[in-house]
Amino acid sequence: MDEYLDNKRETESRFQPNYSKKSKKVALVLCILFGWLGVHNFYAGNTGYGFLYLFTFGACGIGWILDIYLIAKGLYKDGKGLLIMY
């Protein structure tokens, strides 16, 4: 029985998407327009970073610019650790 459950978990994990269902275009627009408030982080599910950006004005602008680059290149991750690519 344990072997069956292990095989089932392994099979299910292979079919999990390795990218987020969040939109890259929406995240990029939110980051460009409201990135200094951390709105793109709230959209992506990164609420901790969202509050950090909110109270530090986009981590003094450096984090904001870095996030624009990461989102544009498809390297930005959502709250579950999945890449926002599409």
C-alpha atoms as a PDB file:
ATOM      1  CA  MET A   1       0.000   0.000   0.000  1.00  0.00           C
ATOM      2  CA  ASP A   2       2.807   2.415   0.875  1.00  0.00           C
ATOM      3  CA  GLU A   3       4.527   1.677  -2.409  1.00  0.00           C
ATOM      4  CA  TYR A   4       1.308   2.459  -4.280  1.00  0.00           C
ATOM      5  CA  LEU A   5       0.957   5.815  -2.512  1.00  0.00           C
ATOM      6  CA  ASP A   6       4.595   6.702  -3.207  1.00  0.00           C
ATOM      7  CA  ASN A   7       4.129   5.939  -6.903  1.00  0.00           C
ATOM      8  CA  LYS A   8       0.917   7.979  -6.984  1.00  0.00           C
ATOM      9  CA  ARG A   9       2.610  11.008  -5.368  1.00  0.00           C
ATOM     10  CA  GLU A  10       5.534  10.734  -7.770  1.00  0.00           C
ATOM     11  CA  THR A  11       3.203  10.576 -10.767  1.00  0.00           C
ATOM     12  CA  GLU A  12       1.172  13.556  -9.540  1.00  0.00           C
ATOM     13  CA  SER A  13       4.293  15.649  -8.961  1.00  0.00           C
ATOM     14  CA  ARG A  14       5.468  15.043 -12.519  1.00  0.00           C
ATOM     15  CA  PHE A  15       2.272  16.524 -13.906  1.00  0.00           C
ATOM     16  CA  GLN A  16       2.230  19.640 -11.744  1.00  0.00           C
ATOM     17  CA  PRO A  17       2.875  22.794 -13.783  1.00  0.00           C
ATOM     18  CA  ASN A  18       6.290  24.302 -13.229  1.00  0.00           C
ATOM     19  CA  TYR A  19       5.049  27.804 -13.987  1.00  0.00           C
ATOM     20  CA  SER A  20       2.514  30.094 -12.396  1.00  0.00           C
ATOM     21  CA  LYS A  21      -0.985  30.743 -13.693  1.00  0.00           C
ATOM     22  CA  LYS A  22      -0.440  34.452 -13.024  1.00  0.00           C
ATOM     23  CA  SER A  23      -0.051  36.683 -16.071  1.00  0.00           C
ATOM     24  CA  LYS A  24       3.399  38.044 -16.870  1.00  0.00           C
ATOM     25  CA  LYS A  25       1.867  41.019 -18.694  1.00  0.00           C
ATOM     26  CA  VAL A  26      -0.326  41.981 -15.743  1.00  0.00           C
ATOM     27  CA  ALA A  27       2.585  41.627 -13.321  1.00  0.00           C
ATOM     28  CA  LEU A  28       4.824  43.755 -15.539  1.00  0.00           C
ATOM     29  CA  VAL A  29       2.244  46.537 -15.938  1.00  0.00           C
ATOM     30  CA  LEU A  30       1.542  46.550 -12.203  1.00  0.00           C
ATOM     31  CA  CYS A  31       5.258  46.660 -11.474  1.00  0.00           C
ATOM     32  CA  ILE A  32       5.947  49.530 -13.856  1.00  0.00           C
ATOM     33  CA  LEU A  33       3.011  51.638 -12.682  1.00  0.00           C
ATOM     34  CA  PHE A  34       2.746  50.760  -9.000  1.00  0.00           C
ATOM     35  CA  GLY A  35       5.936  48.832  -8.249  1.00  0.00           C
ATOM     36  CA  TRP A  36       7.074  51.325  -5.646  1.00  0.00           C
ATOM     37  CA  LEU A  37       3.949  50.340  -3.667  1.00  0.00           C
ATOM     38  CA  GLY A  38       4.564  46.604  -4.117  1.00  0.00           C
ATOM     39  CA  VAL A  39       1.291  45.964  -5.951  1.00  0.00           C
ATOM     40  CA  HIS A  40       2.915  43.386  -8.249  1.00  0.00           C
ATOM     41  CA  ASN A  41       4.090  41.444  -5.192  1.00  0.00           C
ATOM     42  CA  PHE A  42       0.563  41.316  -3.787  1.00  0.00           C
ATOM     43  CA  TYR A  43      -0.691  40.160  -7.205  1.00  0.00           C
ATOM     44  CA  ALA A  44       1.923  37.389  -7.331  1.00  0.00           C
ATOM     45  CA  GLY A  45       1.164  36.240  -3.792  1.00  0.00           C
ATOM     46  CA  ASN A  46       4.381  37.549  -2.248  1.00  0.00           C
ATOM     47  CA  THR A  47       2.648  39.490   0.522  1.00  0.00           C
ATOM     48  CA  GLY A  48       5.773  39.779   2.659  1.00  0.00           C
ATOM     49  CA  TYR A  49       7.637  41.538  -0.126  1.00  0.00           C
ATOM     50  CA  GLY A  50       4.510  43.535  -0.880  1.00  0.00           C
ATOM     51  CA  PHE A  51       4.480  45.046   2.601  1.00  0.00           C
ATOM     52  CA  LEU A  52       8.254  45.576   2.492  1.00  0.00           C
ATOM     53  CA  TYR A  53       7.951  47.511  -0.786  1.00  0.00           C
ATOM     54  CA  LEU A  54       4.933  49.402   0.520  1.00  0.00           C
ATOM     55  CA  PHE A  55       6.792  50.738   3.548  1.00  0.00           C
ATOM     56  CA  THR A  56      10.191  51.286   1.852  1.00  0.00           C
ATOM     57  CA  PHE A  57       8.909  52.749  -1.443  1.00  0.00           C
ATOM     58  CA  GLY A  58       9.997  49.809  -3.566  1.00  0.00           C
ATOM     59  CA  ALA A  59      13.075  49.066  -1.449  1.00  0.00           C
ATOM     60  CA  CYS A  60      14.356  52.558  -2.240  1.00  0.00           C
ATOM     61  CA  GLY A  61      13.751  52.022  -5.946  1.00  0.00           C
ATOM     62  CA  ILE A  62      16.398  49.326  -6.347  1.00  0.00           C
ATOM     63  CA  GLY A  63      14.042  46.404  -5.766  1.00  0.00           C
ATOM     64  CA  TRP A  64      11.448  47.994  -8.020  1.00  0.00           C
ATOM     65  CA  ILE A  65      13.862  48.257 -10.975  1.00  0.00           C
ATOM     66  CA  LEU A  66      15.190  44.752 -10.317  1.00  0.00           C
ATOM     67  CA  ASP A  67      11.650  43.326 -10.315  1.00  0.00           C
ATOM     68  CA  ILE A  68      10.854  45.014 -13.642  1.00  0.00           C
ATOM     69  CA  TYR A  69      13.886  43.267 -15.123  1.00  0.00           C
ATOM     70  CA  LEU A  70      13.052  39.884 -13.557  1.00  0.00           C
ATOM     71  CA  ILE A  71       9.433  39.978 -14.691  1.00  0.00           C
ATOM     72  CA  ALA A  72      10.382  41.033 -18.235  1.00  0.00           C
ATOM     73  CA  LYS A  73      12.911  38.186 -18.495  1.00  0.00           C
ATOM     74  CA  GLY A  74      10.470  35.607 -17.054  1.00  0.00           C
ATOM     75  CA  LEU A  75      12.564  34.975 -13.940  1.00  0.00           C
ATOM     76  CA  TYR A  76      10.110  36.330 -11.349  1.00  0.00           C
ATOM     77  CA  LYS A  77       8.456  33.812  -9.012  1.00  0.00           C
ATOM     78  CA  ASP A  78       5.043  33.885  -7.388  1.00  0.00           C
ATOM     79  CA  GLY A  79       4.224  33.104  -3.765  1.00  0.00           C
ATOM     80  CA  LYS A  80       4.357  29.347  -4.456  1.00  0.00           C
ATOM     81  CA  GLY A  81       7.812  29.526  -5.996  1.00  0.00           C
ATOM     82  CA  LEU A  82       6.579  29.025  -9.559  1.00  0.00           C
ATOM     83  CA  LEU A  83       7.908  31.176 -12.400  1.00  0.00           C
ATOM     84  CA  ILE A  84       5.570  33.763 -13.901  1.00  0.00           C
ATOM     85  CA  MET A  85       6.348  33.146 -17.559  1.00  0.00           C
ATOM     86  CA  TYR A  86       3.202  33.666 -19.649  1.00  0.00           C
END
